[in-house]
Amino acid sequence: MYVIYRNNQQFGPYSIDVLSNYVEDDKILRCDKASDMSNLQELKTYNTLGWSIAGLLLTVTGVILLMSYLKQGVNYQSKLSK
């Protein structure tokens, strides 16, 4: 489960499927952050970067890959920079 933070407000928790739908519906903003709630002892926060790389919107495949990284708790920024 993931929580979205926007303007000092918390929304969620949401499943990965719900977040994926929000991405497809452009309801996730560049300023939003997502936190993985599955491990409460080590809350990981990811900058969503508007789900974009270098200003280009991710394709559906890219969104699925990004969501996969979030689900696995992988730092997707380091994966994408390789």
PDB file of N, CA and C in Angstrom:
ATOM      1  N   MET A   1       0.845  -1.182   0.000  1.00  0.00           N
ATOM      2  CA  MET A   1       0.000   0.000   0.000  1.00  0.00           C
ATOM      3  C   MET A   1       0.890   1.245   0.000  1.00  0.00           C
ATOM      4  N   TYR A   2       0.399   2.282  -0.661  1.00  0.00           N
ATOM      5  CA  TYR A   2       1.161   3.512  -0.822  1.00  0.00           C
ATOM      6  C   TYR A   2       0.326   4.715  -0.423  1.00  0.00           C
ATOM      7  N   VAL A   3       1.005   5.706   0.124  1.00  0.00           N
ATOM      8  CA  VAL A   3       0.376   6.970   0.482  1.00  0.00           C
ATOM      9  C   VAL A   3       0.965   8.032  -0.430  1.00  0.00           C
ATOM     10  N   ILE A   4       0.122   8.940  -0.905  1.00  0.00           N
ATOM     11  CA  ILE A   4       0.562  10.056  -1.730  1.00  0.00           C
ATOM     12  C   ILE A   4       0.566  11.310  -0.865  1.00  0.00           C
ATOM     13  N   TYR A   5       1.633  12.099  -0.978  1.00  0.00           N
ATOM     14  CA  TYR A   5       1.745  13.367  -0.262  1.00  0.00           C
ATOM     15  C   TYR A   5       1.715  14.503  -1.279  1.00  0.00           C
ATOM     16  N   ARG A   6       0.841  15.483  -1.019  1.00  0.00           N
ATOM     17  CA  ARG A   6       0.745  16.665  -1.878  1.00  0.00           C
ATOM     18  C   ARG A   6       0.415  17.860  -0.991  1.00  0.00           C
ATOM     19  N   ASN A   7       1.216  18.912  -1.099  1.00  0.00           N
ATOM     20  CA  ASN A   7       0.972  20.146  -0.336  1.00  0.00           C
ATOM     21  C   ASN A   7       0.759  19.870   1.150  1.00  0.00           C
ATOM     22  N   ASN A   8       1.640  19.085   1.721  1.00  0.00           N
ATOM     23  CA  ASN A   8       1.590  18.738   3.145  1.00  0.00           C
ATOM     24  C   ASN A   8       0.326  17.995   3.554  1.00  0.00           C
ATOM     25  N   GLN A   9      -0.350  17.388   2.597  1.00  0.00           N
ATOM     26  CA  GLN A   9      -1.514  16.560   2.891  1.00  0.00           C
ATOM     27  C   GLN A   9      -1.224  15.131   2.477  1.00  0.00           C
ATOM     28  N   GLN A  10      -1.795  14.202   3.208  1.00  0.00           N
ATOM     29  CA  GLN A  10      -1.607  12.775   2.932  1.00  0.00           C
ATOM     30  C   GLN A  10      -2.895  12.208   2.340  1.00  0.00           C
ATOM     31  N   PHE A  11      -2.750  11.423   1.268  1.00  0.00           N
ATOM     32  CA  PHE A  11      -3.882  10.773   0.625  1.00  0.00           C
ATOM     33  C   PHE A  11      -3.605   9.280   0.541  1.00  0.00           C
ATOM     34  N   GLY A  12      -4.608   8.490   0.811  1.00  0.00           N
ATOM     35  CA  GLY A  12      -4.433   7.049   0.732  1.00  0.00           C
ATOM     36  C   GLY A  12      -4.615   6.416   2.084  1.00  0.00           C
ATOM     37  N   PRO A  13      -4.191   5.194   2.233  1.00  0.00           N
ATOM     38  CA  PRO A  13      -3.311   4.423   1.347  1.00  0.00           C
ATOM     39  C   PRO A  13      -4.054   3.854   0.136  1.00  0.00           C
ATOM     40  N   TYR A  14      -3.278   3.657  -0.934  1.00  0.00           N
ATOM     41  CA  TYR A  14      -3.789   3.128  -2.190  1.00  0.00           C
ATOM     42  C   TYR A  14      -2.996   1.891  -2.578  1.00  0.00           C
ATOM     43  N   SER A  15      -3.668   0.989  -3.251  1.00  0.00           N
ATOM     44  CA  SER A  15      -2.975  -0.178  -3.802  1.00  0.00           C
ATOM     45  C   SER A  15      -2.208   0.257  -5.046  1.00  0.00           C
ATOM     46  N   ILE A  16      -1.308  -0.581  -5.501  1.00  0.00           N
ATOM     47  CA  ILE A  16      -0.525  -0.290  -6.698  1.00  0.00           C
ATOM     48  C   ILE A  16      -1.438  -0.170  -7.915  1.00  0.00           C
ATOM     49  N   ASP A  17      -2.523  -0.935  -7.932  1.00  0.00           N
ATOM     50  CA  ASP A  17      -3.466  -0.879  -9.056  1.00  0.00           C
ATOM     51  C   ASP A  17      -4.202   0.458  -9.097  1.00  0.00           C
ATOM     52  N   VAL A  18      -4.618   0.947  -7.939  1.00  0.00           N
ATOM     53  CA  VAL A  18      -5.296   2.241  -7.878  1.00  0.00           C
ATOM     54  C   VAL A  18      -4.339   3.350  -8.293  1.00  0.00           C
ATOM     55  N   LEU A  19      -3.098   3.302  -7.807  1.00  0.00           N
ATOM     56  CA  LEU A  19      -2.107   4.311  -8.202  1.00  0.00           C
ATOM     57  C   LEU A  19      -1.853   4.270  -9.696  1.00  0.00           C
ATOM     58  N   SER A  20      -1.804   3.088 -10.257  1.00  0.00           N
ATOM     59  CA  SER A  20      -1.603   2.951 -11.696  1.00  0.00           C
ATOM     60  C   SER A  20      -2.736   3.638 -12.455  1.00  0.00           C
ATOM     61  N   ASN A  21      -3.963   3.461 -11.986  1.00  0.00           N
ATOM     62  CA  ASN A  21      -5.107   4.134 -12.618  1.00  0.00           C
ATOM     63  C   ASN A  21      -4.999   5.645 -12.483  1.00  0.00           C
ATOM     64  N   TYR A  22      -4.542   6.127 -11.324  1.00  0.00           N
ATOM     65  CA  TYR A  22      -4.377   7.563 -11.126  1.00  0.00           C
ATOM     66  C   TYR A  22      -3.329   8.128 -12.082  1.00  0.00           C
ATOM     67  N   VAL A  23      -2.270   7.376 -12.315  1.00  0.00           N
ATOM     68  CA  VAL A  23      -1.243   7.810 -13.260  1.00  0.00           C
ATOM     69  C   VAL A  23      -1.847   7.907 -14.654  1.00  0.00           C
ATOM     70  N   GLU A  24      -2.584   6.889 -15.052  1.00  0.00           N
ATOM     71  CA  GLU A  24      -3.207   6.884 -16.380  1.00  0.00           C
ATOM     72  C   GLU A  24      -4.197   8.032 -16.539  1.00  0.00           C
ATOM     73  N   ASP A  25      -4.861   8.421 -15.457  1.00  0.00           N
ATOM     74  CA  ASP A  25      -5.853   9.501 -15.493  1.00  0.00           C
ATOM     75  C   ASP A  25      -5.240  10.873 -15.220  1.00  0.00           C
ATOM     76  N   ASP A  26      -3.901  10.953 -15.187  1.00  0.00           N
ATOM     77  CA  ASP A  26      -3.179  12.211 -14.932  1.00  0.00           C
ATOM     78  C   ASP A  26      -3.567  12.856 -13.606  1.00  0.00           C
ATOM     79  N   LYS A  27      -3.814  12.049 -12.589  1.00  0.00           N
ATOM     80  CA  LYS A  27      -4.151  12.574 -11.267  1.00  0.00           C
ATOM     81  C   LYS A  27      -2.933  12.657 -10.355  1.00  0.00           C
ATOM     82  N   ILE A  28      -1.766  12.238 -10.853  1.00  0.00           N
ATOM     83  CA  ILE A  28      -0.518  12.334 -10.103  1.00  0.00           C
ATOM     84  C   ILE A  28       0.250  13.531 -10.646  1.00  0.00           C
ATOM     85  N   LEU A  29       0.666  14.428  -9.755  1.00  0.00           N
ATOM     86  CA  LEU A  29       1.367  15.648 -10.160  1.00  0.00           C
ATOM     87  C   LEU A  29       2.874  15.503  -9.990  1.00  0.00           C
ATOM     88  N   ARG A  30       3.620  16.389 -10.653  1.00  0.00           N
ATOM     89  CA  ARG A  30       5.088  16.376 -10.549  1.00  0.00           C
ATOM     90  C   ARG A  30       5.553  16.536  -9.106  1.00  0.00           C
ATOM     91  N   CYS A  31       4.832  17.310  -8.322  1.00  0.00           N
ATOM     92  CA  CYS A  31       5.256  17.601  -6.946  1.00  0.00           C
ATOM     93  C   CYS A  31       4.881  16.495  -5.968  1.00  0.00           C
ATOM     94  N   ASP A  32       4.091  15.516  -6.387  1.00  0.00           N
ATOM     95  CA  ASP A  32       3.631  14.463  -5.486  1.00  0.00           C
ATOM     96  C   ASP A  32       4.761  13.527  -5.094  1.00  0.00           C
ATOM     97  N   LYS A  33       4.635  13.010  -3.899  1.00  0.00           N
ATOM     98  CA  LYS A  33       5.561  11.984  -3.419  1.00  0.00           C
ATOM     99  C   LYS A  33       4.730  10.779  -3.032  1.00  0.00           C
ATOM    100  N   ALA A  34       5.321   9.591  -3.162  1.00  0.00           N
ATOM    101  CA  ALA A  34       4.638   8.348  -2.791  1.00  0.00           C
ATOM    102  C   ALA A  34       5.470   7.633  -1.746  1.00  0.00           C
ATOM    103  N   SER A  35       4.807   7.135  -0.714  1.00  0.00           N
ATOM    104  CA  SER A  35       5.493   6.386   0.337  1.00  0.00           C
ATOM    105  C   SER A  35       4.973   4.967   0.386  1.00  0.00           C
ATOM    106  N   ASP A  36       5.897   4.036   0.500  1.00  0.00           N
ATOM    107  CA  ASP A  36       5.569   2.617   0.619  1.00  0.00           C
ATOM    108  C   ASP A  36       5.222   2.340   2.073  1.00  0.00           C
ATOM    109  N   MET A  37       4.008   1.897   2.330  1.00  0.00           N
ATOM    110  CA  MET A  37       3.550   1.661   3.695  1.00  0.00           C
ATOM    111  C   MET A  37       3.747   0.213   4.136  1.00  0.00           C
ATOM    112  N   SER A  38       4.291  -0.633   3.282  1.00  0.00           N
ATOM    113  CA  SER A  38       4.395  -2.057   3.605  1.00  0.00           C
ATOM    114  C   SER A  38       5.387  -2.341   4.726  1.00  0.00           C
ATOM    115  N   ASN A  39       6.382  -1.480   4.894  1.00  0.00           N
ATOM    116  CA  ASN A  39       7.364  -1.665   5.954  1.00  0.00           C
ATOM    117  C   ASN A  39       7.359  -0.413   6.823  1.00  0.00           C
ATOM    118  N   LEU A  40       6.550  -0.422   7.869  1.00  0.00           N
ATOM    119  CA  LEU A  40       6.386   0.774   8.692  1.00  0.00           C
ATOM    120  C   LEU A  40       7.650   1.144   9.458  1.00  0.00           C
ATOM    121  N   GLN A  41       8.567   0.194   9.642  1.00  0.00           N
ATOM    122  CA  GLN A  41       9.797   0.506  10.358  1.00  0.00           C
ATOM    123  C   GLN A  41      10.746   1.322   9.493  1.00  0.00           C
ATOM    124  N   GLU A  42      10.634   1.194   8.195  1.00  0.00           N
ATOM    125  CA  GLU A  42      11.493   1.956   7.282  1.00  0.00           C
ATOM    126  C   GLU A  42      10.625   2.503   6.161  1.00  0.00           C
ATOM    127  N   LEU A  43       9.986   3.632   6.428  1.00  0.00           N
ATOM    128  CA  LEU A  43       9.086   4.238   5.460  1.00  0.00           C
ATOM    129  C   LEU A  43       9.908   4.841   4.330  1.00  0.00           C
ATOM    130  N   LYS A  44       9.703   4.346   3.135  1.00  0.00           N
ATOM    131  CA  LYS A  44      10.454   4.825   1.979  1.00  0.00           C
ATOM    132  C   LYS A  44       9.591   5.813   1.207  1.00  0.00           C
ATOM    133  N   THR A  45      10.148   6.970   0.891  1.00  0.00           N
ATOM    134  CA  THR A  45       9.417   7.977   0.133  1.00  0.00           C
ATOM    135  C   THR A  45      10.083   8.153  -1.219  1.00  0.00           C
ATOM    136  N   TYR A  46       9.273   8.148  -2.259  1.00  0.00           N
ATOM    137  CA  TYR A  46       9.749   8.284  -3.626  1.00  0.00           C
ATOM    138  C   TYR A  46       9.161   9.541  -4.235  1.00  0.00           C
ATOM    139  N   ASN A  47       9.992  10.354  -4.851  1.00  0.00           N
ATOM    140  CA  ASN A  47       9.481  11.482  -5.608  1.00  0.00           C
ATOM    141  C   ASN A  47       8.927  10.917  -6.903  1.00  0.00           C
ATOM    142  N   THR A  48       7.673  11.209  -7.192  1.00  0.00           N
ATOM    143  CA  THR A  48       7.066  10.628  -8.391  1.00  0.00           C
ATOM    144  C   THR A  48       7.600  11.267  -9.661  1.00  0.00           C
ATOM    145  N   LEU A  49       8.187  12.448  -9.559  1.00  0.00           N
ATOM    146  CA  LEU A  49       8.718  13.169 -10.716  1.00  0.00           C
ATOM    147  C   LEU A  49       7.666  13.330 -11.796  1.00  0.00           C
ATOM    148  N   GLY A  50       6.406  13.387 -11.393  1.00  0.00           N
ATOM    149  CA  GLY A  50       5.347  13.502 -12.386  1.00  0.00           C
ATOM    150  C   GLY A  50       5.329  12.302 -13.311  1.00  0.00           C
ATOM    151  N   TRP A  51       5.935  11.205 -12.855  1.00  0.00           N
ATOM    152  CA  TRP A  51       6.037   9.986 -13.658  1.00  0.00           C
ATOM    153  C   TRP A  51       6.693  10.295 -15.001  1.00  0.00           C
ATOM    154  N   SER A  52       7.672  11.194 -14.983  1.00  0.00           N
ATOM    155  CA  SER A  52       8.341  11.554 -16.229  1.00  0.00           C
ATOM    156  C   SER A  52       9.846  11.457 -16.071  1.00  0.00           C
ATOM    157  N   ILE A  53      10.514  11.340 -17.198  1.00  0.00           N
ATOM    158  CA  ILE A  53      11.973  11.335 -17.234  1.00  0.00           C
ATOM    159  C   ILE A  53      12.373  12.405 -18.235  1.00  0.00           C
ATOM    160  N   ALA A  54      13.202  13.331 -17.800  1.00  0.00           N
ATOM    161  CA  ALA A  54      13.675  14.409 -18.665  1.00  0.00           C
ATOM    162  C   ALA A  54      12.508  15.124 -19.338  1.00  0.00           C
ATOM    163  N   GLY A  55      11.398  15.266 -18.606  1.00  0.00           N
ATOM    164  CA  GLY A  55      10.259  16.005 -19.133  1.00  0.00           C
ATOM    165  C   GLY A  55       9.379  15.233 -20.093  1.00  0.00           C
ATOM    166  N   LEU A  56       9.737  13.991 -20.405  1.00  0.00           N
ATOM    167  CA  LEU A  56       8.925  13.188 -21.317  1.00  0.00           C
ATOM    168  C   LEU A  56       8.035  12.263 -20.511  1.00  0.00           C
ATOM    169  N   LEU A  57       6.773  12.239 -20.837  1.00  0.00           N
ATOM    170  CA  LEU A  57       5.867  11.355 -20.123  1.00  0.00           C
ATOM    171  C   LEU A  57       6.226   9.914 -20.411  1.00  0.00           C
ATOM    172  N   LEU A  58       6.115   9.097 -19.391  1.00  0.00           N
ATOM    173  CA  LEU A  58       6.395   7.684 -19.570  1.00  0.00           C
ATOM    174  C   LEU A  58       5.287   7.023 -20.370  1.00  0.00           C
ATOM    175  N   THR A  59       5.645   6.052 -21.147  1.00  0.00           N
ATOM    176  CA  THR A  59       4.655   5.238 -21.832  1.00  0.00           C
ATOM    177  C   THR A  59       3.989   4.335 -20.808  1.00  0.00           C
ATOM    178  N   VAL A  60       2.952   3.650 -21.212  1.00  0.00           N
ATOM    179  CA  VAL A  60       2.285   2.714 -20.311  1.00  0.00           C
ATOM    180  C   VAL A  60       3.286   1.688 -19.809  1.00  0.00           C
ATOM    181  N   THR A  61       4.174   1.221 -20.680  1.00  0.00           N
ATOM    182  CA  THR A  61       5.206   0.268 -20.277  1.00  0.00           C
ATOM    183  C   THR A  61       6.095   0.878 -19.211  1.00  0.00           C
ATOM    184  N   GLY A  62       6.461   2.145 -19.390  1.00  0.00           N
ATOM    185  CA  GLY A  62       7.292   2.825 -18.407  1.00  0.00           C
ATOM    186  C   GLY A  62       6.598   2.972 -17.073  1.00  0.00           C
ATOM    187  N   VAL A  63       5.310   3.261 -17.106  1.00  0.00           N
ATOM    188  CA  VAL A  63       4.537   3.385 -15.866  1.00  0.00           C
ATOM    189  C   VAL A  63       4.489   2.050 -15.151  1.00  0.00           C
ATOM    190  N   ILE A  64       4.253   0.978 -15.915  1.00  0.00           N
ATOM    191  CA  ILE A  64       4.220  -0.354 -15.318  1.00  0.00           C
ATOM    192  C   ILE A  64       5.568  -0.685 -14.702  1.00  0.00           C
ATOM    193  N   LEU A  65       6.659  -0.355 -15.388  1.00  0.00           N
ATOM    194  CA  LEU A  65       8.002  -0.591 -14.864  1.00  0.00           C
ATOM    195  C   LEU A  65       8.221   0.213 -13.587  1.00  0.00           C
ATOM    196  N   LEU A  66       7.829   1.480 -13.608  1.00  0.00           N
ATOM    197  CA  LEU A  66       7.975   2.333 -12.434  1.00  0.00           C
ATOM    198  C   LEU A  66       7.167   1.785 -11.270  1.00  0.00           C
ATOM    199  N   MET A  67       5.934   1.391 -11.529  1.00  0.00           N
ATOM    200  CA  MET A  67       5.103   0.830 -10.472  1.00  0.00           C
ATOM    201  C   MET A  67       5.711  -0.462  -9.937  1.00  0.00           C
ATOM    202  N   SER A  68       6.302  -1.237 -10.821  1.00  0.00           N
ATOM    203  CA  SER A  68       6.969  -2.467 -10.403  1.00  0.00           C
ATOM    204  C   SER A  68       8.111  -2.150  -9.448  1.00  0.00           C
ATOM    205  N   TYR A  69       8.911  -1.120  -9.771  1.00  0.00           N
ATOM    206  CA  TYR A  69      10.009  -0.719  -8.894  1.00  0.00           C
ATOM    207  C   TYR A  69       9.473  -0.272  -7.542  1.00  0.00           C
ATOM    208  N   LEU A  70       8.393   0.544  -7.559  1.00  0.00           N
ATOM    209  CA  LEU A  70       7.805   1.001  -6.303  1.00  0.00           C
ATOM    210  C   LEU A  70       7.318  -0.178  -5.480  1.00  0.00           C
ATOM    211  N   LYS A  71       6.671  -1.127  -6.149  1.00  0.00           N
ATOM    212  CA  LYS A  71       6.129  -2.294  -5.459  1.00  0.00           C
ATOM    213  C   LYS A  71       7.243  -3.103  -4.804  1.00  0.00           C
ATOM    214  N   GLN A  72       8.394  -3.189  -5.481  1.00  0.00           N
ATOM    215  CA  GLN A  72       9.518  -3.963  -4.968  1.00  0.00           C
ATOM    216  C   GLN A  72      10.368  -3.154  -3.988  1.00  0.00           C
ATOM    217  N   GLY A  73      10.071  -1.866  -3.838  1.00  0.00           N
ATOM    218  CA  GLY A  73      10.870  -1.025  -2.955  1.00  0.00           C
ATOM    219  C   GLY A  73      12.215  -0.662  -3.553  1.00  0.00           C
ATOM    220  N   VAL A  74      12.315  -0.714  -4.874  1.00  0.00           N
ATOM    221  CA  VAL A  74      13.570  -0.419  -5.564  1.00  0.00           C
ATOM    222  C   VAL A  74      13.656   1.081  -5.806  1.00  0.00           C
ATOM    223  N   ASN A  75      14.842   1.643  -5.681  1.00  0.00           N
ATOM    224  CA  ASN A  75      15.052   3.047  -6.008  1.00  0.00           C
ATOM    225  C   ASN A  75      15.041   3.164  -7.525  1.00  0.00           C
ATOM    226  N   TYR A  76      13.893   3.542  -8.076  1.00  0.00           N
ATOM    227  CA  TYR A  76      13.745   3.570  -9.522  1.00  0.00           C
ATOM    228  C   TYR A  76      14.597   4.643 -10.162  1.00  0.00           C
ATOM    229  N   GLN A  77      14.936   5.719  -9.429  1.00  0.00           N
ATOM    230  CA  GLN A  77      15.776   6.757 -10.011  1.00  0.00           C
ATOM    231  C   GLN A  77      17.152   6.200 -10.347  1.00  0.00           C
ATOM    232  N   SER A  78      17.704   5.354  -9.478  1.00  0.00           N
ATOM    233  CA  SER A  78      19.013   4.773  -9.761  1.00  0.00           C
ATOM    234  C   SER A  78      18.907   3.765 -10.896  1.00  0.00           C
ATOM    235  N   LYS A  79      17.802   3.041 -10.981  1.00  0.00           N
ATOM    236  CA  LYS A  79      17.613   2.077 -12.064  1.00  0.00           C
ATOM    237  C   LYS A  79      17.517   2.792 -13.403  1.00  0.00           C
ATOM    238  N   LEU A  80      16.792   3.921 -13.441  1.00  0.00           N
ATOM    239  CA  LEU A  80      16.567   4.626 -14.689  1.00  0.00           C
ATOM    240  C   LEU A  80      17.793   5.384 -15.155  1.00  0.00           C
ATOM    241  N   SER A  81      18.712   5.691 -14.245  1.00  0.00           N
ATOM    242  CA  SER A  81      19.895   6.451 -14.629  1.00  0.00           C
ATOM    243  C   SER A  81      20.991   5.574 -15.212  1.00  0.00           C
ATOM    244  N   LYS A  82      20.801   4.251 -15.173  1.00  0.00           N
ATOM    245  CA  LYS A  82      21.820   3.342 -15.711  1.00  0.00           C
ATOM    246  C   LYS A  82      21.756   3.265 -17.214  1.00  0.00           C
TER     247      LYS A  82
END
